[in-house]
C-alpha cells in the first residue's frame, strides 16, 4: 500500500468519524486530553467535525474551547499536586529555570504555547510544578486557543467554483499531454 493510499484511508476514516454521532464527543475528548498528555493537535479532529457540521460550528468552537480550558486546568492541577513527587527521581534544576522564565515572561509563554503548535501539555504541567498563577495560565490559554480555533471558522462553506473549474482544466491538460 502506497503512502497516498494510506493517507486516503486515514482521511476517509476521519471524515466518517466527523460525520458520525460520536464525532463531537471524540473532538471534545481530544481537546480535553491535549493540554494534559495527548501528542496530537486538536485541529486534526476538530476541523473535520466543524466542516461536517457547519450549522453547529459555533457550538463546536465554544465546546472545544471549554474542554481545552478544563484540560489545561487538569494539567495544571496534576503538575501542582503530583509534580514534586513524580520528579523526585530526577534532576529538578530545570524547575528553577522554569520559574525564572515564567516570572520573567509570565503571560507570554503560555500564550505562545496556546497559539503556536507547541506542546501545551508541557506548559500546563510546568506551570503546575512551579505553582505559576493559575488565572494567568487560563487567560492565556483562552486567548491563544480562541484565536487558533477561530481560524477554523473562517474556512468557506462551499468550494470556490473557479478553483474547482481550474482543477478540471488542469486535469484536462494533463490528460491531453499524456495521450
Protein backbone atom coordinates (compact mmCIF):
# COMPACT_ATOMS: atom_id res chain seq x y z
CA UNK A 1 0.00 0.00 0.00
CA UNK A 2 1.45 3.35 -1.02
CA UNK A 3 1.61 6.36 1.29
CA UNK A 4 -1.11 8.06 -0.75
CA UNK A 5 -3.47 5.11 -0.29
CA UNK A 6 -2.69 5.08 3.43
CA UNK A 7 -3.32 8.81 3.66
CA UNK A 8 -6.63 8.48 1.78
CA UNK A 9 -7.72 5.67 4.09
CA UNK A 10 -6.89 7.70 7.23
CA UNK A 11 -8.56 10.78 5.71
CA UNK A 12 -11.73 8.83 4.94
CA UNK A 13 -11.78 7.41 8.50
CA UNK A 14 -11.53 10.90 9.98
CA UNK A 15 -14.32 12.21 7.73
CA UNK A 16 -16.54 9.26 8.67
CA UNK A 17 -15.84 9.90 12.37
CA UNK A 18 -16.61 13.60 11.98
CA UNK A 19 -20.00 12.89 10.43
CA UNK A 20 -20.93 10.24 13.00
CA UNK A 21 -22.95 10.99 16.12
CA UNK A 22 -19.79 10.44 18.21
CA UNK A 23 -17.70 12.97 16.28
CA UNK A 24 -18.42 15.81 18.68
CA UNK A 25 -17.66 13.61 21.70
CA UNK A 26 -14.35 12.47 20.20
CA UNK A 27 -13.37 16.07 19.36
CA UNK A 28 -14.23 17.11 22.93
CA UNK A 29 -12.13 14.31 24.41
CA UNK A 30 -9.17 15.23 22.19
CA UNK A 31 -9.47 18.92 23.17
CA UNK A 32 -9.56 17.95 26.85
CA UNK A 33 -6.65 15.48 26.73
CA UNK A 34 -4.28 17.51 24.54
CA UNK A 35 -3.23 20.01 27.28
CA UNK A 36 -2.56 17.10 29.65
CA UNK A 37 -0.86 14.29 27.75
CA UNK A 38 -2.10 13.74 24.20
CA UNK A 39 0.56 14.23 21.49
CA UNK A 40 -1.97 15.29 18.86
CA UNK A 41 -3.04 18.69 17.62
CA UNK A 42 -6.75 19.10 18.36
CA UNK A 43 -7.36 20.65 14.92
CA UNK A 44 -6.72 17.25 13.32
CA UNK A 45 -10.03 16.07 14.77
CA UNK A 46 -11.73 19.41 15.34
CA UNK A 47 -11.50 20.69 11.75
CA UNK A 48 -13.34 17.77 10.13
CA UNK A 49 -16.05 17.93 12.80
CA UNK A 50 -16.57 21.65 12.17
CA UNK A 51 -16.59 21.11 8.39
CA UNK A 52 -19.04 18.22 8.65
CA UNK A 53 -21.40 20.17 10.91
CA UNK A 54 -21.18 23.73 9.62
CA UNK A 55 -24.56 24.65 11.15
CA UNK A 56 -23.18 23.88 14.65
CA UNK A 57 -19.74 25.44 14.14
CA UNK A 58 -20.06 27.99 16.97
CA UNK A 59 -21.34 25.38 19.40
CA UNK A 60 -18.38 23.14 18.49
CA UNK A 61 -15.99 26.08 18.77
CA UNK A 62 -17.13 27.00 22.29
CA UNK A 63 -17.23 23.38 23.41
CA UNK A 64 -13.67 22.84 22.16
CA UNK A 65 -12.55 25.99 23.94
CA UNK A 66 -14.23 24.92 27.18
CA UNK A 67 -12.76 21.42 27.01
CA UNK A 68 -9.29 22.84 26.34
CA UNK A 69 -9.60 25.10 29.38
CA UNK A 70 -10.73 22.17 31.53
CA UNK A 71 -7.80 20.15 30.19
CA UNK A 72 -5.38 22.97 30.97
CA UNK A 73 -6.81 23.21 34.49
CA UNK A 74 -6.43 19.45 34.95
CA UNK A 75 -2.85 19.53 33.63
CA UNK A 76 -2.04 22.38 35.99
CA UNK A 77 -3.54 20.50 38.96
CA UNK A 78 -1.61 17.34 38.09
CA UNK A 79 1.61 19.32 37.91
CA UNK A 80 0.77 21.17 41.11
CA UNK A 81 -0.14 18.13 43.19
CA UNK A 82 1.95 15.30 41.73
CA UNK A 83 4.85 17.15 40.17
CA UNK A 84 7.32 17.13 43.04
CA UNK A 85 6.54 13.52 43.94
CA UNK A 86 6.87 12.27 40.38
CA UNK A 87 10.02 14.27 39.67
CA UNK A 88 11.79 13.42 42.95
CA UNK A 89 13.73 10.80 40.99
CA UNK A 90 15.05 13.34 38.50
CA UNK A 91 17.21 16.44 38.49
CA UNK A 92 14.97 19.36 39.49
CA UNK A 93 17.24 22.22 38.44
CA UNK A 94 15.09 22.82 35.37
CA UNK A 95 12.17 23.78 37.64
CA UNK A 96 14.17 26.75 38.93
CA UNK A 97 14.84 27.79 35.34
CA UNK A 98 11.16 27.37 34.51
CA UNK A 99 10.20 29.52 37.49
CA UNK A 100 12.63 32.20 36.30
CA UNK A 101 11.27 32.25 32.74
CA UNK A 102 7.65 32.13 33.86
CA UNK A 103 8.20 35.00 36.28
CA UNK A 104 10.06 36.99 33.62
CA UNK A 105 7.73 36.33 30.67
CA UNK A 106 4.51 35.49 32.56
CA UNK A 107 1.60 35.57 30.15
CA UNK A 108 3.76 35.27 27.02
CA UNK A 109 4.95 31.64 27.37
CA UNK A 110 1.53 30.04 27.90
CA UNK A 111 0.09 32.31 25.21
CA UNK A 112 2.73 31.23 22.68
CA UNK A 113 2.13 27.56 23.53
CA UNK A 114 -1.60 28.11 23.02
CA UNK A 115 -1.33 29.85 19.65
CA UNK A 116 1.57 28.08 18.01
CA UNK A 117 1.86 24.32 17.54
CA UNK A 118 3.95 23.87 20.67
CA UNK A 119 3.16 21.17 23.23
CA UNK A 120 0.70 22.89 25.56
CA UNK A 121 0.92 19.93 27.92
CA UNK A 122 4.48 20.86 28.89
CA UNK A 123 3.42 24.39 29.73
CA UNK A 124 0.37 23.39 31.79
CA UNK A 125 2.28 20.75 33.75
CA UNK A 126 5.28 23.04 34.25
CA UNK A 127 3.03 25.87 35.43
CA UNK A 128 1.63 23.44 37.98
CA UNK A 129 5.10 22.25 39.07
CA UNK A 130 6.24 25.82 39.60
CA UNK A 131 2.97 26.98 41.20
CA UNK A 132 2.55 29.61 38.49
CA UNK A 133 -0.52 31.86 38.69
CA UNK A 134 -3.45 29.69 37.53
CA UNK A 135 -5.58 32.63 36.41
CA UNK A 136 -2.84 33.94 34.11
CA UNK A 137 -2.41 30.46 32.64
CA UNK A 138 -6.14 30.05 31.96
CA UNK A 139 -6.46 33.55 30.48
CA UNK A 140 -3.53 32.98 28.13
CA UNK A 141 -4.81 29.54 27.09
CA UNK A 142 -8.26 31.05 26.49
CA UNK A 143 -6.89 33.87 24.33
CA UNK A 144 -4.49 31.66 22.39
CA UNK A 145 -6.84 28.79 21.71
CA UNK A 146 -9.78 31.10 20.97
CA UNK A 147 -7.65 32.66 18.24
CA UNK A 148 -6.36 29.33 16.95
CA UNK A 149 -9.76 27.63 16.88
CA UNK A 150 -11.42 30.71 15.35
CA UNK A 151 -9.25 30.23 12.26
CA UNK A 152 -11.24 27.05 11.58
CA UNK A 153 -14.42 29.13 11.44
CA UNK A 154 -13.05 31.25 8.59
CA UNK A 155 -12.92 28.43 6.06
CA UNK A 156 -15.69 28.97 3.49
CA UNK A 157 -18.64 26.60 3.44
CA UNK A 158 -18.54 25.78 -0.25
CA UNK A 159 -15.71 25.12 -2.64
CA UNK A 160 -14.61 28.03 -4.74
CA UNK A 161 -16.10 27.26 -8.17
CA UNK A 162 -13.31 28.97 -10.08
CA UNK A 163 -10.73 26.90 -8.20
CA UNK A 164 -12.72 23.73 -8.86
CA UNK A 165 -13.02 24.59 -12.55
CA UNK A 166 -9.31 25.36 -12.62
CA UNK A 167 -8.62 21.86 -11.25
CA UNK A 168 -10.78 20.35 -14.01
CA UNK A 169 -8.85 22.41 -16.56
CA UNK A 170 -5.52 21.19 -15.16
CA UNK A 171 -6.73 17.59 -15.27
CA UNK A 172 -7.85 18.02 -18.88
CA UNK A 173 -4.46 19.46 -19.89
CA UNK A 174 -2.57 16.69 -18.10
CA UNK A 175 -4.72 14.03 -19.74
CA UNK A 176 -4.22 15.56 -23.19
CA UNK A 177 -0.47 15.79 -22.71
CA UNK A 178 -0.30 12.10 -21.76
CA UNK A 179 -2.03 10.99 -24.96
